[in-house]
Amino acid sequence: MEQGVIFIVAILISALVALVGKDRKIGYGWSFVLCLFLSPIIGLIIILFSKKKDVEFIDAK
């Protein structure tokens, strides 16, 4: 029972940390996988070292 709760908490923390990676080249999916299998702290470090996506603005005329 306790292990199930710990597992669910780990998934939630990994999902929250992976949200940082959604605007990066690594993306949300890979961020989530890294956080889940390595640890959220190591995943966050990898995410922060990942480059941000290039944002191009379209000129609406």
PDB file of N, CA and C in Angstrom:
ATOM      1  N   MET A   1       0.814  -1.191   0.000  1.00  0.00           N
ATOM      2  CA  MET A   1       0.000   0.000   0.000  1.00  0.00           C
ATOM      3  C   MET A   1       0.862   1.261   0.000  1.00  0.00           C
ATOM      4  N   GLU A   2       1.842   1.299   0.903  1.00  0.00           N
ATOM      5  CA  GLU A   2       2.717   2.467   0.988  1.00  0.00           C
ATOM      6  C   GLU A   2       3.556   2.624  -0.271  1.00  0.00           C
ATOM      7  N   GLN A   3       3.983   1.518  -0.856  1.00  0.00           N
ATOM      8  CA  GLN A   3       4.792   1.589  -2.074  1.00  0.00           C
ATOM      9  C   GLN A   3       3.987   2.161  -3.229  1.00  0.00           C
ATOM     10  N   GLY A   4       2.703   1.857  -3.269  1.00  0.00           N
ATOM     11  CA  GLY A   4       1.843   2.392  -4.321  1.00  0.00           C
ATOM     12  C   GLY A   4       1.702   3.900  -4.214  1.00  0.00           C
ATOM     13  N   VAL A   5       1.571   4.384  -2.982  1.00  0.00           N
ATOM     14  CA  VAL A   5       1.459   5.829  -2.759  1.00  0.00           C
ATOM     15  C   VAL A   5       2.764   6.515  -3.143  1.00  0.00           C
ATOM     16  N   ILE A   6       3.870   5.928  -2.769  1.00  0.00           N
ATOM     17  CA  ILE A   6       5.179   6.496  -3.113  1.00  0.00           C
ATOM     18  C   ILE A   6       5.357   6.518  -4.624  1.00  0.00           C
ATOM     19  N   PHE A   7       4.918   5.485  -5.316  1.00  0.00           N
ATOM     20  CA  PHE A   7       5.028   5.421  -6.773  1.00  0.00           C
ATOM     21  C   PHE A   7       4.177   6.508  -7.431  1.00  0.00           C
ATOM     22  N   ILE A   8       2.975   6.706  -6.936  1.00  0.00           N
ATOM     23  CA  ILE A   8       2.096   7.740  -7.497  1.00  0.00           C
ATOM     24  C   ILE A   8       2.675   9.130  -7.253  1.00  0.00           C
ATOM     25  N   VAL A   9       3.231   9.365  -6.080  1.00  0.00           N
ATOM     26  CA  VAL A   9       3.863  10.651  -5.776  1.00  0.00           C
ATOM     27  C   VAL A   9       5.063  10.872  -6.689  1.00  0.00           C
ATOM     28  N   ALA A  10       5.850   9.836  -6.939  1.00  0.00           N
ATOM     29  CA  ALA A  10       7.006   9.953  -7.837  1.00  0.00           C
ATOM     30  C   ALA A  10       6.565  10.304  -9.253  1.00  0.00           C
ATOM     31  N   ILE A  11       5.476   9.715  -9.711  1.00  0.00           N
ATOM     32  CA  ILE A  11       4.960  10.025 -11.045  1.00  0.00           C
ATOM     33  C   ILE A  11       4.482  11.471 -11.115  1.00  0.00           C
ATOM     34  N   LEU A  12       3.790  11.930 -10.087  1.00  0.00           N
ATOM     35  CA  LEU A  12       3.302  13.311 -10.066  1.00  0.00           C
ATOM     36  C   LEU A  12       4.448  14.316 -10.037  1.00  0.00           C
ATOM     37  N   ILE A  13       5.456  14.062  -9.235  1.00  0.00           N
ATOM     38  CA  ILE A  13       6.609  14.961  -9.174  1.00  0.00           C
ATOM     39  C   ILE A  13       7.337  14.970 -10.511  1.00  0.00           C
ATOM     40  N   SER A  14       7.499  13.807 -11.128  1.00  0.00           N
ATOM     41  CA  SER A  14       8.156  13.727 -12.425  1.00  0.00           C
ATOM     42  C   SER A  14       7.364  14.490 -13.489  1.00  0.00           C
ATOM     43  N   ALA A  15       6.043  14.387 -13.436  1.00  0.00           N
ATOM     44  CA  ALA A  15       5.200  15.096 -14.404  1.00  0.00           C
ATOM     45  C   ALA A  15       5.316  16.607 -14.217  1.00  0.00           C
ATOM     46  N   LEU A  16       5.364  17.061 -12.981  1.00  0.00           N
ATOM     47  CA  LEU A  16       5.496  18.495 -12.727  1.00  0.00           C
ATOM     48  C   LEU A  16       6.847  19.033 -13.188  1.00  0.00           C
ATOM     49  N   VAL A  17       7.903  18.295 -12.910  1.00  0.00           N
ATOM     50  CA  VAL A  17       9.236  18.726 -13.344  1.00  0.00           C
ATOM     51  C   VAL A  17       9.334  18.678 -14.862  1.00  0.00           C
ATOM     52  N   ALA A  18       8.690  17.699 -15.483  1.00  0.00           N
ATOM     53  CA  ALA A  18       8.739  17.567 -16.940  1.00  0.00           C
ATOM     54  C   ALA A  18       8.036  18.721 -17.644  1.00  0.00           C
ATOM     55  N   LEU A  19       7.138  19.410 -16.950  1.00  0.00           N
ATOM     56  CA  LEU A  19       6.484  20.573 -17.552  1.00  0.00           C
ATOM     57  C   LEU A  19       7.489  21.655 -17.922  1.00  0.00           C
ATOM     58  N   VAL A  20       8.609  21.715 -17.208  1.00  0.00           N
ATOM     59  CA  VAL A  20       9.662  22.672 -17.532  1.00  0.00           C
ATOM     60  C   VAL A  20      10.237  22.367 -18.914  1.00  0.00           C
ATOM     61  N   GLY A  21      10.260  21.098 -19.293  1.00  0.00           N
ATOM     62  CA  GLY A  21      10.863  20.676 -20.549  1.00  0.00           C
ATOM     63  C   GLY A  21       9.967  20.813 -21.765  1.00  0.00           C
ATOM     64  N   LYS A  22       8.718  21.218 -21.586  1.00  0.00           N
ATOM     65  CA  LYS A  22       7.822  21.266 -22.745  1.00  0.00           C
ATOM     66  C   LYS A  22       8.206  22.353 -23.739  1.00  0.00           C
ATOM     67  N   ASP A  23       8.886  23.399 -23.289  1.00  0.00           N
ATOM     68  CA  ASP A  23       9.323  24.471 -24.182  1.00  0.00           C
ATOM     69  C   ASP A  23      10.794  24.340 -24.547  1.00  0.00           C
ATOM     70  N   ARG A  24      11.328  23.166 -24.375  1.00  0.00           N
ATOM     71  CA  ARG A  24      12.731  22.920 -24.699  1.00  0.00           C
ATOM     72  C   ARG A  24      12.828  21.881 -25.797  1.00  0.00           C
ATOM     73  N   LYS A  25      14.012  21.757 -26.379  1.00  0.00           N
ATOM     74  CA  LYS A  25      14.225  20.803 -27.471  1.00  0.00           C
ATOM     75  C   LYS A  25      13.972  19.367 -27.023  1.00  0.00           C
ATOM     76  N   ILE A  26      14.222  19.085 -25.755  1.00  0.00           N
ATOM     77  CA  ILE A  26      14.068  17.730 -25.238  1.00  0.00           C
ATOM     78  C   ILE A  26      12.593  17.314 -25.215  1.00  0.00           C
ATOM     79  N   GLY A  27      11.699  18.256 -25.015  1.00  0.00           N
ATOM     80  CA  GLY A  27      10.266  17.972 -25.034  1.00  0.00           C
ATOM     81  C   GLY A  27       9.755  17.402 -23.721  1.00  0.00           C
ATOM     82  N   TYR A  28       8.428  17.374 -23.617  1.00  0.00           N
ATOM     83  CA  TYR A  28       7.798  16.904 -22.382  1.00  0.00           C
ATOM     84  C   TYR A  28       7.990  15.400 -22.185  1.00  0.00           C
ATOM     85  N   GLY A  29       7.824  14.633 -23.246  1.00  0.00           N
ATOM     86  CA  GLY A  29       7.887  13.178 -23.125  1.00  0.00           C
ATOM     87  C   GLY A  29       9.230  12.681 -22.629  1.00  0.00           C
ATOM     88  N   TRP A  30      10.298  13.143 -23.263  1.00  0.00           N
ATOM     89  CA  TRP A  30      11.634  12.717 -22.834  1.00  0.00           C
ATOM     90  C   TRP A  30      11.960  13.254 -21.450  1.00  0.00           C
ATOM     91  N   SER A  31      11.489  14.457 -21.152  1.00  0.00           N
ATOM     92  CA  SER A  31      11.714  15.006 -19.814  1.00  0.00           C
ATOM     93  C   SER A  31      11.060  14.130 -18.759  1.00  0.00           C
ATOM     94  N   PHE A  32       9.840  13.706 -19.039  1.00  0.00           N
ATOM     95  CA  PHE A  32       9.116  12.851 -18.089  1.00  0.00           C
ATOM     96  C   PHE A  32       9.833  11.519 -17.901  1.00  0.00           C
ATOM     97  N   VAL A  33      10.276  10.922 -18.998  1.00  0.00           N
ATOM     98  CA  VAL A  33      10.963   9.632 -18.911  1.00  0.00           C
ATOM     99  C   VAL A  33      12.254   9.757 -18.110  1.00  0.00           C
ATOM    100  N   LEU A  34      13.026  10.816 -18.375  1.00  0.00           N
ATOM    101  CA  LEU A  34      14.276  11.009 -17.636  1.00  0.00           C
ATOM    102  C   LEU A  34      14.011  11.229 -16.151  1.00  0.00           C
ATOM    103  N   CYS A  35      13.006  12.039 -15.841  1.00  0.00           N
ATOM    104  CA  CYS A  35      12.679  12.292 -14.429  1.00  0.00           C
ATOM    105  C   CYS A  35      12.199  11.025 -13.731  1.00  0.00           C
ATOM    106  N   LEU A  36      11.445  10.223 -14.445  1.00  0.00           N
ATOM    107  CA  LEU A  36      10.888   9.020 -13.829  1.00  0.00           C
ATOM    108  C   LEU A  36      11.955   7.965 -13.588  1.00  0.00           C
ATOM    109  N   PHE A  37      12.853   7.756 -14.552  1.00  0.00           N
ATOM    110  CA  PHE A  37      13.830   6.673 -14.424  1.00  0.00           C
ATOM    111  C   PHE A  37      15.110   7.090 -13.703  1.00  0.00           C
ATOM    112  N   LEU A  38      15.530   8.337 -13.841  1.00  0.00           N
ATOM    113  CA  LEU A  38      16.744   8.765 -13.132  1.00  0.00           C
ATOM    114  C   LEU A  38      16.368   9.315 -11.766  1.00  0.00           C
ATOM    115  N   SER A  39      15.818  10.495 -11.756  1.00  0.00           N
ATOM    116  CA  SER A  39      15.241  11.125 -10.575  1.00  0.00           C
ATOM    117  C   SER A  39      14.794  12.509 -11.026  1.00  0.00           C
ATOM    118  N   PRO A  40      13.836  13.096 -10.341  1.00  0.00           N
ATOM    119  CA  PRO A  40      13.387  14.422 -10.747  1.00  0.00           C
ATOM    120  C   PRO A  40      14.495  15.479 -10.693  1.00  0.00           C
ATOM    121  N   ILE A  41      15.410  15.353  -9.764  1.00  0.00           N
ATOM    122  CA  ILE A  41      16.495  16.342  -9.654  1.00  0.00           C
ATOM    123  C   ILE A  41      17.458  16.213 -10.826  1.00  0.00           C
ATOM    124  N   ILE A  42      17.881  15.001 -11.142  1.00  0.00           N
ATOM    125  CA  ILE A  42      18.765  14.782 -12.285  1.00  0.00           C
ATOM    126  C   ILE A  42      18.047  15.163 -13.571  1.00  0.00           C
ATOM    127  N   GLY A  43      16.773  14.821 -13.689  1.00  0.00           N
ATOM    128  CA  GLY A  43      15.987  15.191 -14.852  1.00  0.00           C
ATOM    129  C   GLY A  43      15.901  16.692 -15.022  1.00  0.00           C
ATOM    130  N   LEU A  44      15.708  17.424 -13.923  1.00  0.00           N
ATOM    131  CA  LEU A  44      15.642  18.881 -13.988  1.00  0.00           C
ATOM    132  C   LEU A  44      16.961  19.471 -14.459  1.00  0.00           C
ATOM    133  N   ILE A  45      18.061  18.920 -13.993  1.00  0.00           N
ATOM    134  CA  ILE A  45      19.374  19.407 -14.434  1.00  0.00           C
ATOM    135  C   ILE A  45      19.538  19.190 -15.931  1.00  0.00           C
ATOM    136  N   ILE A  46      19.170  18.025 -16.419  1.00  0.00           N
ATOM    137  CA  ILE A  46      19.276  17.741 -17.851  1.00  0.00           C
ATOM    138  C   ILE A  46      18.353  18.658 -18.646  1.00  0.00           C
ATOM    139  N   ILE A  47      17.149  18.882 -18.148  1.00  0.00           N
ATOM    140  CA  ILE A  47      16.201  19.758 -18.830  1.00  0.00           C
ATOM    141  C   ILE A  47      16.740  21.174 -18.912  1.00  0.00           C
ATOM    142  N   LEU A  48      17.302  21.663 -17.827  1.00  0.00           N
ATOM    143  CA  LEU A  48      17.809  23.032 -17.821  1.00  0.00           C
ATOM    144  C   LEU A  48      19.023  23.206 -18.729  1.00  0.00           C
ATOM    145  N   PHE A  49      19.774  22.153 -18.971  1.00  0.00           N
ATOM    146  CA  PHE A  49      20.894  22.228 -19.894  1.00  0.00           C
ATOM    147  C   PHE A  49      20.466  22.058 -21.345  1.00  0.00           C
ATOM    148  N   SER A  50      19.244  21.624 -21.565  1.00  0.00           N
ATOM    149  CA  SER A  50      18.714  21.482 -22.913  1.00  0.00           C
ATOM    150  C   SER A  50      18.407  22.862 -23.474  1.00  0.00           C
ATOM    151  N   LYS A  51      18.592  23.020 -24.787  1.00  0.00           N
ATOM    152  CA  LYS A  51      18.339  24.315 -25.414  1.00  0.00           C
ATOM    153  C   LYS A  51      16.846  24.576 -25.506  1.00  0.00           C
ATOM    154  N   LYS A  52      16.498  25.863 -25.464  1.00  0.00           N
ATOM    155  CA  LYS A  52      15.105  26.245 -25.637  1.00  0.00           C
ATOM    156  C   LYS A  52      14.738  26.147 -27.108  1.00  0.00           C
ATOM    157  N   LYS A  53      13.458  25.918 -27.365  1.00  0.00           N
ATOM    158  CA  LYS A  53      12.980  25.869 -28.741  1.00  0.00           C
ATOM    159  C   LYS A  53      13.070  27.252 -29.350  1.00  0.00           C
ATOM    160  N   ASP A  54      13.378  27.296 -30.642  1.00  0.00           N
ATOM    161  CA  ASP A  54      13.379  28.569 -31.349  1.00  0.00           C
ATOM    162  C   ASP A  54      11.939  28.971 -31.619  1.00  0.00           C
ATOM    163  N   VAL A  55      11.613  30.173 -31.233  1.00  0.00           N
ATOM    164  CA  VAL A  55      10.263  30.665 -31.442  1.00  0.00           C
ATOM    165  C   VAL A  55      10.305  31.684 -32.563  1.00  0.00           C
ATOM    166  N   GLU A  56       9.522  31.406 -33.610  1.00  0.00           N
ATOM    167  CA  GLU A  56       9.446  32.341 -34.726  1.00  0.00           C
ATOM    168  C   GLU A  56       8.062  32.955 -34.729  1.00  0.00           C
ATOM    169  N   PHE A  57       8.029  34.274 -34.823  1.00  0.00           N
ATOM    170  CA  PHE A  57       6.750  34.952 -34.862  1.00  0.00           C
ATOM    171  C   PHE A  57       6.327  35.162 -36.303  1.00  0.00           C
ATOM    172  N   ILE A  58       5.075  34.902 -36.564  1.00  0.00           N
ATOM    173  CA  ILE A  58       4.537  35.099 -37.915  1.00  0.00           C
ATOM    174  C   ILE A  58       3.898  36.474 -37.962  1.00  0.00           C
ATOM    175  N   ASP A  59       4.317  37.245 -38.941  1.00  0.00           N
ATOM    176  CA  ASP A  59       3.794  38.603 -39.088  1.00  0.00           C
ATOM    177  C   ASP A  59       2.423  38.528 -39.741  1.00  0.00           C
ATOM    178  N   ALA A  60       1.405  38.881 -38.984  1.00  0.00           N
ATOM    179  CA  ALA A  60       0.028  38.826 -39.506  1.00  0.00           C
ATOM    180  C   ALA A  60      -0.289  40.135 -40.211  1.00  0.00           C
ATOM    181  N   LYS A  61      -0.401  40.067 -41.539  1.00  0.00           N
ATOM    182  CA  LYS A  61      -0.732  41.271 -42.314  1.00  0.00           C
ATOM    183  C   LYS A  61      -1.988  41.050 -43.088  1.00  0.00           C
TER     184      LYS A  61
END
